[in-house]
PDB file of N, CA and C in Angstrom:
ATOM      1  N   UNK A   1      14.347   9.419  27.333  1.00  0.00           N
ATOM      2  CA  UNK A   1      14.419   9.573  25.895  1.00  0.00           C
ATOM      3  C   UNK A   1      13.408   8.634  25.242  1.00  0.00           C
ATOM      4  N   UNK A   2      12.588   9.176  24.371  1.00  0.00           N
ATOM      5  CA  UNK A   2      11.604   8.383  23.651  1.00  0.00           C
ATOM      6  C   UNK A   2      12.109   8.130  22.247  1.00  0.00           C
ATOM      7  N   UNK A   3      12.023   6.888  21.843  1.00  0.00           N
ATOM      8  CA  UNK A   3      12.420   6.559  20.472  1.00  0.00           C
ATOM      9  C   UNK A   3      11.208   6.009  19.740  1.00  0.00           C
ATOM     10  N   UNK A   4      11.155   6.263  18.499  1.00  0.00           N
ATOM     11  CA  UNK A   4      10.080   5.711  17.681  1.00  0.00           C
ATOM     12  C   UNK A   4      10.693   4.835  16.618  1.00  0.00           C
ATOM     13  N   UNK A   5       9.954   3.814  16.245  1.00  0.00           N
ATOM     14  CA  UNK A   5      10.434   2.940  15.186  1.00  0.00           C
ATOM     15  C   UNK A   5       9.753   3.350  13.893  1.00  0.00           C
ATOM     16  N   UNK A   6      10.459   3.304  12.792  1.00  0.00           N
ATOM     17  CA  UNK A   6       9.842   3.671  11.527  1.00  0.00           C
ATOM     18  C   UNK A   6       8.762   2.657  11.157  1.00  0.00           C
ATOM     19  N   UNK A   7       7.756   3.076  10.422  1.00  0.00           N
ATOM     20  CA  UNK A   7       6.729   2.116  10.020  1.00  0.00           C
ATOM     21  C   UNK A   7       7.324   1.063   9.096  1.00  0.00           C
ATOM     22  N   UNK A   8       6.733  -0.115   9.125  1.00  0.00           N
ATOM     23  CA  UNK A   8       7.171  -1.156   8.206  1.00  0.00           C
ATOM     24  C   UNK A   8       6.735  -0.771   6.803  1.00  0.00           C
ATOM     25  N   UNK A   9       7.505  -1.173   5.829  1.00  0.00           N
ATOM     26  CA  UNK A   9       7.188  -0.856   4.445  1.00  0.00           C
ATOM     27  C   UNK A   9       7.188  -2.116   3.590  1.00  0.00           C
ATOM     28  N   UNK A  10       6.545  -2.026   2.458  1.00  0.00           N
ATOM     29  CA  UNK A  10       6.511  -3.120   1.492  1.00  0.00           C
ATOM     30  C   UNK A  10       6.494  -2.509   0.096  1.00  0.00           C
ATOM     31  N   UNK A  11       6.879  -3.294  -0.864  1.00  0.00           N
ATOM     32  CA  UNK A  11       6.818  -2.866  -2.261  1.00  0.00           C
ATOM     33  C   UNK A  11       5.594  -3.497  -2.911  1.00  0.00           C
ATOM     34  N   UNK A  12       4.840  -2.702  -3.652  1.00  0.00           N
ATOM     35  CA  UNK A  12       3.702  -3.191  -4.427  1.00  0.00           C
ATOM     36  C   UNK A  12       3.853  -2.685  -5.847  1.00  0.00           C
ATOM     37  N   UNK A  13       3.213  -3.362  -6.784  1.00  0.00           N
ATOM     38  CA  UNK A  13       3.298  -2.970  -8.188  1.00  0.00           C
ATOM     39  C   UNK A  13       1.974  -2.369  -8.647  1.00  0.00           C
ATOM     40  N   UNK A  14       2.068  -1.300  -9.414  1.00  0.00           N
ATOM     41  CA  UNK A  14       0.899  -0.668  -9.995  1.00  0.00           C
ATOM     42  C   UNK A  14       0.207  -1.683 -10.911  1.00  0.00           C
ATOM     43  N   UNK A  15      -1.130  -1.854 -10.767  1.00  0.00           N
ATOM     44  CA  UNK A  15      -1.819  -2.839 -11.610  1.00  0.00           C
ATOM     45  C   UNK A  15      -1.918  -2.421 -13.081  1.00  0.00           C
ATOM     46  N   UNK A  16      -1.676  -1.152 -13.406  1.00  0.00           N
ATOM     47  CA  UNK A  16      -1.771  -0.698 -14.802  1.00  0.00           C
ATOM     48  C   UNK A  16      -0.436  -0.743 -15.524  1.00  0.00           C
ATOM     49  N   UNK A  17       0.641  -0.255 -14.872  1.00  0.00           N
ATOM     50  CA  UNK A  17       1.921  -0.173 -15.586  1.00  0.00           C
ATOM     51  C   UNK A  17       3.025  -1.038 -14.958  1.00  0.00           C
ATOM     52  N   UNK A  18       2.785  -1.572 -13.751  1.00  0.00           N
ATOM     53  CA  UNK A  18       3.758  -2.452 -13.121  1.00  0.00           C
ATOM     54  C   UNK A  18       4.848  -1.755 -12.343  1.00  0.00           C
ATOM     55  N   UNK A  19       4.804  -0.420 -12.271  1.00  0.00           N
ATOM     56  CA  UNK A  19       5.815   0.322 -11.515  1.00  0.00           C
ATOM     57  C   UNK A  19       5.780  -0.083 -10.044  1.00  0.00           C
ATOM     58  N   UNK A  20       6.935  -0.244  -9.438  1.00  0.00           N
ATOM     59  CA  UNK A  20       7.041  -0.616  -8.031  1.00  0.00           C
ATOM     60  C   UNK A  20       6.914   0.623  -7.140  1.00  0.00           C
ATOM     61  N   UNK A  21       6.054   0.534  -6.124  1.00  0.00           N
ATOM     62  CA  UNK A  21       5.780   1.629  -5.198  1.00  0.00           C
ATOM     63  C   UNK A  21       6.054   1.136  -3.781  1.00  0.00           C
ATOM     64  N   UNK A  22       6.618   1.972  -2.936  1.00  0.00           N
ATOM     65  CA  UNK A  22       6.820   1.644  -1.532  1.00  0.00           C
ATOM     66  C   UNK A  22       5.647   2.180  -0.729  1.00  0.00           C
ATOM     67  N   UNK A  23       5.028   1.313   0.096  1.00  0.00           N
ATOM     68  CA  UNK A  23       3.913   1.727   0.944  1.00  0.00           C
ATOM     69  C   UNK A  23       4.206   1.344   2.387  1.00  0.00           C
ATOM     70  N   UNK A  24       3.660   2.112   3.316  1.00  0.00           N
ATOM     71  CA  UNK A  24       3.763   1.776   4.736  1.00  0.00           C
ATOM     72  C   UNK A  24       2.705   0.732   5.061  1.00  0.00           C
ATOM     73  N   UNK A  25       3.072  -0.214   5.915  1.00  0.00           N
ATOM     74  CA  UNK A  25       2.122  -1.243   6.335  1.00  0.00           C
ATOM     75  C   UNK A  25       2.042  -1.246   7.858  1.00  0.00           C
ATOM     76  N   UNK A  26       0.867  -1.614   8.421  1.00  0.00           N
ATOM     77  CA  UNK A  26       0.698  -1.557   9.872  1.00  0.00           C
ATOM     78  C   UNK A  26       1.550  -2.571  10.640  1.00  0.00           C
ATOM     79  N   UNK A  27       1.763  -3.754  10.097  1.00  0.00           N
ATOM     80  CA  UNK A  27       2.552  -4.798  10.759  1.00  0.00           C
ATOM     81  C   UNK A  27       3.395  -5.528   9.724  1.00  0.00           C
ATOM     82  N   UNK A  28       4.501  -6.049  10.174  1.00  0.00           N
ATOM     83  CA  UNK A  28       5.456  -6.690   9.268  1.00  0.00           C
ATOM     84  C   UNK A  28       4.858  -7.865   8.485  1.00  0.00           C
ATOM     85  N   UNK A  29       4.064  -8.719   9.095  1.00  0.00           N
ATOM     86  CA  UNK A  29       3.542  -9.918   8.422  1.00  0.00           C
ATOM     87  C   UNK A  29       2.143  -9.706   7.852  1.00  0.00           C
ATOM     88  N   UNK A  30       1.844  -8.507   7.407  1.00  0.00           N
ATOM     89  CA  UNK A  30       0.536  -8.190   6.847  1.00  0.00           C
ATOM     90  C   UNK A  30       0.474  -8.618   5.392  1.00  0.00           C
ATOM     91  N   UNK A  31      -0.621  -9.282   5.020  1.00  0.00           N
ATOM     92  CA  UNK A  31      -0.825  -9.650   3.618  1.00  0.00           C
ATOM     93  C   UNK A  31      -1.439  -8.459   2.898  1.00  0.00           C
ATOM     94  N   UNK A  32      -0.923  -8.138   1.730  1.00  0.00           N
ATOM     95  CA  UNK A  32      -1.421  -7.000   0.960  1.00  0.00           C
ATOM     96  C   UNK A  32      -2.201  -7.488  -0.249  1.00  0.00           C
ATOM     97  N   UNK A  33      -3.286  -6.775  -0.547  1.00  0.00           N
ATOM     98  CA  UNK A  33      -4.059  -7.050  -1.755  1.00  0.00           C
ATOM     99  C   UNK A  33      -4.197  -5.746  -2.520  1.00  0.00           C
ATOM    100  N   UNK A  34      -3.949  -5.796  -3.798  1.00  0.00           N
ATOM    101  CA  UNK A  34      -3.983  -4.615  -4.651  1.00  0.00           C
ATOM    102  C   UNK A  34      -5.288  -4.624  -5.441  1.00  0.00           C
ATOM    103  N   UNK A  35      -5.962  -3.468  -5.466  1.00  0.00           N
ATOM    104  CA  UNK A  35      -7.208  -3.329  -6.232  1.00  0.00           C
ATOM    105  C   UNK A  35      -7.147  -2.044  -7.049  1.00  0.00           C
ATOM    106  N   UNK A  36      -7.723  -2.077  -8.222  1.00  0.00           N
ATOM    107  CA  UNK A  36      -7.775  -0.866  -9.046  1.00  0.00           C
ATOM    108  C   UNK A  36      -9.035  -0.049  -8.766  1.00  0.00           C
ATOM    109  N   UNK A  37      -9.946  -0.594  -7.930  1.00  0.00           N
ATOM    110  CA  UNK A  37     -11.142   0.131  -7.508  1.00  0.00           C
ATOM    111  C   UNK A  37     -11.265   0.036  -5.994  1.00  0.00           C
ATOM    112  N   UNK A  38     -11.946   0.990  -5.393  1.00  0.00           N
ATOM    113  CA  UNK A  38     -12.103   1.017  -3.955  1.00  0.00           C
ATOM    114  C   UNK A  38     -13.254   0.096  -3.543  1.00  0.00           C
ATOM    115  N   UNK A  39     -13.109  -0.577  -2.415  1.00  0.00           N
ATOM    116  CA  UNK A  39     -14.166  -1.419  -1.860  1.00  0.00           C
ATOM    117  C   UNK A  39     -14.920  -0.628  -0.791  1.00  0.00           C
ATOM    118  N   UNK A  40     -16.080  -1.104  -0.423  1.00  0.00           N
ATOM    119  CA  UNK A  40     -16.927  -0.399   0.548  1.00  0.00           C
ATOM    120  C   UNK A  40     -16.370  -0.461   1.967  1.00  0.00           C
ATOM    121  N   UNK A  41     -15.520  -1.429   2.262  1.00  0.00           N
ATOM    122  CA  UNK A  41     -14.995  -1.572   3.618  1.00  0.00           C
ATOM    123  C   UNK A  41     -13.607  -2.198   3.577  1.00  0.00           C
ATOM    124  N   UNK A  42     -12.939  -2.204   4.706  1.00  0.00           N
ATOM    125  CA  UNK A  42     -11.615  -2.804   4.820  1.00  0.00           C
ATOM    126  C   UNK A  42     -10.554  -1.756   5.079  1.00  0.00           C
ATOM    127  N   UNK A  43      -9.522  -2.148   5.796  1.00  0.00           N
ATOM    128  CA  UNK A  43      -8.407  -1.259   6.121  1.00  0.00           C
ATOM    129  C   UNK A  43      -7.538  -1.128   4.873  1.00  0.00           C
ATOM    130  N   UNK A  44      -7.397   0.099   4.371  1.00  0.00           N
ATOM    131  CA  UNK A  44      -6.681   0.294   3.113  1.00  0.00           C
ATOM    132  C   UNK A  44      -6.058   1.684   3.040  1.00  0.00           C
ATOM    133  N   UNK A  45      -5.260   1.870   2.010  1.00  0.00           N
ATOM    134  CA  UNK A  45      -4.700   3.175   1.691  1.00  0.00           C
ATOM    135  C   UNK A  45      -4.741   3.347   0.177  1.00  0.00           C
ATOM    136  N   UNK A  46      -4.919   4.586  -0.268  1.00  0.00           N
ATOM    137  CA  UNK A  46      -4.913   4.884  -1.695  1.00  0.00           C
ATOM    138  C   UNK A  46      -3.529   5.411  -2.063  1.00  0.00           C
ATOM    139  N   UNK A  47      -2.968   4.890  -3.132  1.00  0.00           N
ATOM    140  CA  UNK A  47      -1.662   5.331  -3.613  1.00  0.00           C
ATOM    141  C   UNK A  47      -1.739   5.562  -5.117  1.00  0.00           C
ATOM    142  N   UNK A  48      -0.710   6.174  -5.655  1.00  0.00           N
ATOM    143  CA  UNK A  48      -0.612   6.370  -7.102  1.00  0.00           C
ATOM    144  C   UNK A  48       0.851   6.248  -7.503  1.00  0.00           C
ATOM    145  N   UNK A  49       1.078   5.681  -8.668  1.00  0.00           N
ATOM    146  CA  UNK A  49       2.435   5.567  -9.175  1.00  0.00           C
ATOM    147  C   UNK A  49       2.833   6.905  -9.796  1.00  0.00           C
ATOM    148  N   UNK A  50       4.060   7.002 -10.278  1.00  0.00           N
ATOM    149  CA  UNK A  50       4.532   8.259 -10.871  1.00  0.00           C
ATOM    150  C   UNK A  50       3.839   8.574 -12.196  1.00  0.00           C
ATOM    151  N   UNK A  51       3.144   7.584 -12.776  1.00  0.00           N
ATOM    152  CA  UNK A  51       2.373   7.803 -13.993  1.00  0.00           C
ATOM    153  C   UNK A  51       0.943   8.248 -13.684  1.00  0.00           C
ATOM    154  N   UNK A  52       0.674   8.546 -12.415  1.00  0.00           N
ATOM    155  CA  UNK A  52      -0.628   9.026 -11.949  1.00  0.00           C
ATOM    156  C   UNK A  52      -1.740   7.988 -12.058  1.00  0.00           C
ATOM    157  N   UNK A  53      -1.411   6.712 -11.920  1.00  0.00           N
ATOM    158  CA  UNK A  53      -2.413   5.651 -11.888  1.00  0.00           C
ATOM    159  C   UNK A  53      -2.802   5.409 -10.423  1.00  0.00           C
ATOM    160  N   UNK A  54      -4.029   5.750 -10.013  1.00  0.00           N
ATOM    161  CA  UNK A  54      -4.430   5.494  -8.630  1.00  0.00           C
ATOM    162  C   UNK A  54      -4.814   4.028  -8.430  1.00  0.00           C
ATOM    163  N   UNK A  55      -4.500   3.499  -7.240  1.00  0.00           N
ATOM    164  CA  UNK A  55      -4.956   2.163  -6.859  1.00  0.00           C
ATOM    165  C   UNK A  55      -4.984   2.073  -5.349  1.00  0.00           C
ATOM    166  N   UNK A  56      -5.606   1.017  -4.826  1.00  0.00           N
ATOM    167  CA  UNK A  56      -5.801   0.861  -3.389  1.00  0.00           C
ATOM    168  C   UNK A  56      -5.082  -0.375  -2.899  1.00  0.00           C
ATOM    169  N   UNK A  57      -4.428  -0.244  -1.750  1.00  0.00           N
ATOM    170  CA  UNK A  57      -3.724  -1.347  -1.117  1.00  0.00           C
ATOM    171  C   UNK A  57      -4.509  -1.710   0.143  1.00  0.00           C
ATOM    172  N   UNK A  58      -4.989  -2.952   0.211  1.00  0.00           N
ATOM    173  CA  UNK A  58      -5.753  -3.435   1.363  1.00  0.00           C
ATOM    174  C   UNK A  58      -4.864  -4.303   2.246  1.00  0.00           C
ATOM    175  N   UNK A  59      -5.041  -4.154   3.560  1.00  0.00           N
ATOM    176  CA  UNK A  59      -4.266  -4.898   4.558  1.00  0.00           C
ATOM    177  C   UNK A  59      -5.125  -6.040   5.080  1.00  0.00           C
ATOM    178  N   UNK A  60      -4.652  -7.265   4.932  1.00  0.00           N
ATOM    179  CA  UNK A  60      -5.416  -8.429   5.381  1.00  0.00           C
ATOM    180  C   UNK A  60      -4.696  -9.137   6.512  1.00  0.00           C
TER     181      UNK A  60
END
């Protein structure tokens, strides 16, 4: 029997309206940085709050 563990998650706040969003993170002790613009490099994911504000979460 193979079991999988759910991805770790963290809460981040939208930089425009402050709404809290749940995002998956690669490792439990990962530092997150929130940006309202995309950078040229770095491990990241793009998310949007329910108000349709896009932003990027970088994993450090």
